[in-house]
Amino acid sequence: MLKKLFAPGNDSALTSLGLLALRLCFGLTMLLHHGLDKLEKFNTLGSGFPDPLGVGHKVSLGLTVFAEVVAAALLAAGLLTRFAALVLAFEMGVAFTQIHKMALGGAMSGEYALVYFGAYLALLFAGAGKISLDKVFFGKSKSGWAKKD
């Protein structure tokens, strides 16, 4: 079942290159510009962090750090890409609807959250492409091992 879920499709070389660019751009930007900052400031952010799901401020921050550090790194590497994209799309969907109140302008604009959401949704549907660790570990072959192109 995991092979079916994470195996890359029969994408062209250019499509796989485009998916790599999308994964690197949105995965590394999330990790480097959002996730690591929250991870470093975890203790100071914890008590005042938004709690849109009602699970507690520190739990909300922990889930956000998981998404923005772990899932973003997995996405950039192309490992468990659809899982990582699902986690990140969920996070950005919550951010856009609950934190930014679907505003596309003004002081609390959620425009970036919506753009990230769209990119993660595209990667959820498209998968990692052939230039990924998903291809190495889950690529289809008759012997059960990832075949090399």
C-alpha atoms as a PDB file:
ATOM      1  CA  MET A   1       0.000   0.000   0.000  1.00  0.00           C
ATOM      2  CA  LEU A   2       2.826   2.430   0.813  1.00  0.00           C
ATOM      3  CA  LYS A   3       4.397   1.758  -2.562  1.00  0.00           C
ATOM      4  CA  LYS A   4       1.170   2.721  -4.316  1.00  0.00           C
ATOM      5  CA  LEU A   5       0.719   5.836  -2.201  1.00  0.00           C
ATOM      6  CA  PHE A   6       4.252   7.174  -2.533  1.00  0.00           C
ATOM      7  CA  ALA A   7       5.422   5.762  -5.866  1.00  0.00           C
ATOM      8  CA  PRO A   8       6.054   8.479  -8.419  1.00  0.00           C
ATOM      9  CA  GLY A   9       3.985   8.364 -11.586  1.00  0.00           C
ATOM     10  CA  ASN A  10       5.199   8.221 -15.150  1.00  0.00           C
ATOM     11  CA  ASP A  11       6.069  11.901 -15.226  1.00  0.00           C
ATOM     12  CA  SER A  12       8.190  13.349 -17.998  1.00  0.00           C
ATOM     13  CA  ALA A  13      11.658  14.605 -17.134  1.00  0.00           C
ATOM     14  CA  LEU A  14      10.456  18.210 -17.340  1.00  0.00           C
ATOM     15  CA  THR A  15       7.465  17.507 -15.097  1.00  0.00           C
ATOM     16  CA  SER A  16       9.736  15.849 -12.534  1.00  0.00           C
ATOM     17  CA  LEU A  17      12.086  18.840 -12.713  1.00  0.00           C
ATOM     18  CA  GLY A  18       9.131  21.169 -12.149  1.00  0.00           C
ATOM     19  CA  LEU A  19       7.976  19.113  -9.146  1.00  0.00           C
ATOM     20  CA  LEU A  20      11.516  19.221  -7.755  1.00  0.00           C
ATOM     21  CA  ALA A  21      11.566  23.017  -8.083  1.00  0.00           C
ATOM     22  CA  LEU A  22       8.166  23.279  -6.391  1.00  0.00           C
ATOM     23  CA  ARG A  23       9.216  20.964  -3.543  1.00  0.00           C
ATOM     24  CA  LEU A  24      12.505  22.765  -2.951  1.00  0.00           C
ATOM     25  CA  CYS A  25      11.018  26.256  -3.155  1.00  0.00           C
ATOM     26  CA  PHE A  26       8.049  25.664  -0.866  1.00  0.00           C
ATOM     27  CA  GLY A  27       9.687  23.070   1.391  1.00  0.00           C
ATOM     28  CA  LEU A  28      12.904  24.957   2.066  1.00  0.00           C
ATOM     29  CA  THR A  29      11.201  28.346   2.350  1.00  0.00           C
ATOM     30  CA  MET A  30       8.809  26.964   4.962  1.00  0.00           C
ATOM     31  CA  LEU A  31      11.618  25.213   6.831  1.00  0.00           C
ATOM     32  CA  LEU A  32      14.171  28.043   6.769  1.00  0.00           C
ATOM     33  CA  HIS A  33      11.917  31.084   7.097  1.00  0.00           C
ATOM     34  CA  HIS A  34       9.159  29.791   9.355  1.00  0.00           C
ATOM     35  CA  GLY A  35       9.884  26.422  10.976  1.00  0.00           C
ATOM     36  CA  LEU A  36      13.387  26.886  12.352  1.00  0.00           C
ATOM     37  CA  ASP A  37      12.460  30.244  13.885  1.00  0.00           C
ATOM     38  CA  LYS A  38       9.505  28.679  15.721  1.00  0.00           C
ATOM     39  CA  LEU A  39      11.661  25.743  16.820  1.00  0.00           C
ATOM     40  CA  GLU A  40      14.372  28.055  18.224  1.00  0.00           C
ATOM     41  CA  LYS A  41      11.813  30.215  20.055  1.00  0.00           C
ATOM     42  CA  PHE A  42       9.582  27.347  21.175  1.00  0.00           C
ATOM     43  CA  ASN A  43       9.773  28.129  24.906  1.00  0.00           C
ATOM     44  CA  THR A  44       9.045  31.833  24.473  1.00  0.00           C
ATOM     45  CA  LEU A  45       6.271  31.374  21.876  1.00  0.00           C
ATOM     46  CA  GLY A  46       4.447  28.535  23.634  1.00  0.00           C
ATOM     47  CA  SER A  47       2.093  30.361  25.970  1.00  0.00           C
ATOM     48  CA  GLY A  48       0.854  32.951  23.472  1.00  0.00           C
ATOM     49  CA  PHE A  49       0.770  30.852  20.307  1.00  0.00           C
ATOM     50  CA  PRO A  50      -2.626  30.759  18.523  1.00  0.00           C
ATOM     51  CA  ASP A  51      -4.777  27.728  19.345  1.00  0.00           C
ATOM     52  CA  PRO A  52      -7.300  27.531  16.487  1.00  0.00           C
ATOM     53  CA  LEU A  53      -8.126  23.852  17.058  1.00  0.00           C
ATOM     54  CA  GLY A  54      -8.576  24.115  20.820  1.00  0.00           C
ATOM     55  CA  VAL A  55      -5.816  21.637  21.701  1.00  0.00           C
ATOM     56  CA  GLY A  56      -3.734  24.044  23.790  1.00  0.00           C
ATOM     57  CA  HIS A  57      -1.175  26.690  22.908  1.00  0.00           C
ATOM     58  CA  LYS A  58       1.928  24.504  23.300  1.00  0.00           C
ATOM     59  CA  VAL A  59       0.347  21.565  21.466  1.00  0.00           C
ATOM     60  CA  SER A  60      -0.645  23.896  18.612  1.00  0.00           C
ATOM     61  CA  LEU A  61       2.917  25.209  18.471  1.00  0.00           C
ATOM     62  CA  GLY A  62       4.278  21.649  18.574  1.00  0.00           C
ATOM     63  CA  LEU A  63       2.053  20.593  15.674  1.00  0.00           C
ATOM     64  CA  THR A  64       3.045  23.695  13.741  1.00  0.00           C
ATOM     65  CA  VAL A  65       6.751  23.039  14.347  1.00  0.00           C
ATOM     66  CA  PHE A  66       6.271  19.424  13.230  1.00  0.00           C
ATOM     67  CA  ALA A  67       4.663  20.637  10.003  1.00  0.00           C
ATOM     68  CA  GLU A  68       7.076  23.479   9.318  1.00  0.00           C
ATOM     69  CA  VAL A  69      10.271  21.591  10.220  1.00  0.00           C
ATOM     70  CA  VAL A  70       9.757  17.845   9.772  1.00  0.00           C
ATOM     71  CA  ALA A  71       7.138  17.830   7.007  1.00  0.00           C
ATOM     72  CA  ALA A  72       8.857  20.692   5.162  1.00  0.00           C
ATOM     73  CA  ALA A  73      12.198  18.824   5.236  1.00  0.00           C
ATOM     74  CA  LEU A  74      10.509  15.625   4.022  1.00  0.00           C
ATOM     75  CA  LEU A  75       8.823  17.570   1.234  1.00  0.00           C
ATOM     76  CA  ALA A  76      12.067  19.176   0.087  1.00  0.00           C
ATOM     77  CA  ALA A  77      13.793  15.789   0.070  1.00  0.00           C
ATOM     78  CA  GLY A  78      10.905  14.167  -1.736  1.00  0.00           C
ATOM     79  CA  LEU A  79      10.470  11.541   0.983  1.00  0.00           C
ATOM     80  CA  LEU A  80       6.916  10.610   2.015  1.00  0.00           C
ATOM     81  CA  THR A  81       5.967  13.563  -0.143  1.00  0.00           C
ATOM     82  CA  ARG A  82       2.216  13.098  -0.173  1.00  0.00           C
ATOM     83  CA  PHE A  83       2.113  12.720   3.615  1.00  0.00           C
ATOM     84  CA  ALA A  84       4.275  15.820   4.071  1.00  0.00           C
ATOM     85  CA  ALA A  85       2.167  17.793   1.584  1.00  0.00           C
ATOM     86  CA  LEU A  86      -1.024  16.725   3.385  1.00  0.00           C
ATOM     87  CA  VAL A  87       0.341  17.883   6.751  1.00  0.00           C
ATOM     88  CA  LEU A  88       1.485  21.206   5.300  1.00  0.00           C
ATOM     89  CA  ALA A  89      -1.719  21.772   3.315  1.00  0.00           C
ATOM     90  CA  PHE A  90      -3.755  21.153   6.466  1.00  0.00           C
ATOM     91  CA  GLU A  91      -1.600  23.594   8.426  1.00  0.00           C
ATOM     92  CA  MET A  92      -1.875  26.294   5.762  1.00  0.00           C
ATOM     93  CA  GLY A  93      -5.617  25.682   5.416  1.00  0.00           C
ATOM     94  CA  VAL A  94      -6.049  26.225   9.154  1.00  0.00           C
ATOM     95  CA  ALA A  95      -3.790  29.294   9.057  1.00  0.00           C
ATOM     96  CA  PHE A  96      -5.711  30.827   6.143  1.00  0.00           C
ATOM     97  CA  THR A  97      -9.210  30.140   7.479  1.00  0.00           C
ATOM     98  CA  GLN A  98      -8.768  30.385  11.248  1.00  0.00           C
ATOM     99  CA  ILE A  99      -5.836  32.736  11.840  1.00  0.00           C
ATOM    100  CA  HIS A 100      -6.098  35.058   8.812  1.00  0.00           C
ATOM    101  CA  LYS A 101      -9.903  34.748   8.547  1.00  0.00           C
ATOM    102  CA  MET A 102      -9.574  34.301   4.752  1.00  0.00           C
ATOM    103  CA  ALA A 103      -8.383  37.897   4.342  1.00  0.00           C
ATOM    104  CA  LEU A 104      -6.389  38.511   1.177  1.00  0.00           C
ATOM    105  CA  GLY A 105      -5.333  42.020   2.108  1.00  0.00           C
ATOM    106  CA  GLY A 106      -4.769  44.274   5.091  1.00  0.00           C
ATOM    107  CA  ALA A 107      -2.693  43.868   8.209  1.00  0.00           C
ATOM    108  CA  MET A 108      -3.620  40.188   8.725  1.00  0.00           C
ATOM    109  CA  SER A 109      -3.474  39.125   5.087  1.00  0.00           C
ATOM    110  CA  GLY A 110      -3.502  35.374   4.542  1.00  0.00           C
ATOM    111  CA  GLU A 111      -2.327  35.643   0.948  1.00  0.00           C
ATOM    112  CA  TYR A 112       0.926  33.749   1.615  1.00  0.00           C
ATOM    113  CA  ALA A 113      -0.911  31.026   3.524  1.00  0.00           C
ATOM    114  CA  LEU A 114      -3.228  30.582   0.535  1.00  0.00           C
ATOM    115  CA  VAL A 115      -0.303  30.436  -1.916  1.00  0.00           C
ATOM    116  CA  TYR A 116       1.480  27.840   0.235  1.00  0.00           C
ATOM    117  CA  PHE A 117      -1.798  25.906   0.548  1.00  0.00           C
ATOM    118  CA  GLY A 118      -2.148  25.771  -3.242  1.00  0.00           C
ATOM    119  CA  ALA A 119       1.418  24.563  -3.741  1.00  0.00           C
ATOM    120  CA  TYR A 120       1.080  21.864  -1.085  1.00  0.00           C
ATOM    121  CA  LEU A 121      -2.243  20.744  -2.522  1.00  0.00           C
ATOM    122  CA  ALA A 122      -0.654  20.442  -5.978  1.00  0.00           C
ATOM    123  CA  LEU A 123       2.167  18.322  -4.533  1.00  0.00           C
ATOM    124  CA  LEU A 124      -0.340  16.184  -2.628  1.00  0.00           C
ATOM    125  CA  PHE A 125      -2.052  15.305  -5.906  1.00  0.00           C
ATOM    126  CA  ALA A 126       1.037  15.154  -8.153  1.00  0.00           C
ATOM    127  CA  GLY A 127       3.497  13.461  -5.814  1.00  0.00           C
ATOM    128  CA  ALA A 128       7.247  13.965  -5.748  1.00  0.00           C
ATOM    129  CA  GLY A 129       8.191  13.155  -9.329  1.00  0.00           C
ATOM    130  CA  LYS A 130      11.106  10.989 -10.411  1.00  0.00           C
ATOM    131  CA  ILE A 131      13.803  13.202  -8.861  1.00  0.00           C
ATOM    132  CA  SER A 132      13.025  12.256  -5.268  1.00  0.00           C
ATOM    133  CA  LEU A 133      13.697   9.845  -2.450  1.00  0.00           C
ATOM    134  CA  ASP A 134      10.178   8.506  -2.991  1.00  0.00           C
ATOM    135  CA  LYS A 135      11.434   7.233  -6.355  1.00  0.00           C
ATOM    136  CA  VAL A 136      14.386   5.527  -4.663  1.00  0.00           C
ATOM    137  CA  PHE A 137      12.363   3.857  -1.911  1.00  0.00           C
ATOM    138  CA  PHE A 138       8.940   3.403  -3.488  1.00  0.00           C
ATOM    139  CA  GLY A 139       9.578   3.370  -7.247  1.00  0.00           C
ATOM    140  CA  LYS A 140       7.866   0.581  -9.105  1.00  0.00           C
ATOM    141  CA  SER A 141       9.873  -2.401 -10.252  1.00  0.00           C
ATOM    142  CA  LYS A 142       9.306  -6.128 -10.692  1.00  0.00           C
ATOM    143  CA  SER A 143      11.957  -7.103  -8.147  1.00  0.00           C
ATOM    144  CA  GLY A 144      10.540  -4.900  -5.408  1.00  0.00           C
ATOM    145  CA  TRP A 145      13.523  -2.542  -5.508  1.00  0.00           C
ATOM    146  CA  ALA A 146      13.423   0.887  -7.049  1.00  0.00           C
ATOM    147  CA  LYS A 147      14.585   0.594 -10.597  1.00  0.00           C
ATOM    148  CA  LYS A 148      17.097   3.063 -11.888  1.00  0.00           C
ATOM    149  CA  ASP A 149      16.280   4.997 -15.052  1.00  0.00           C
END
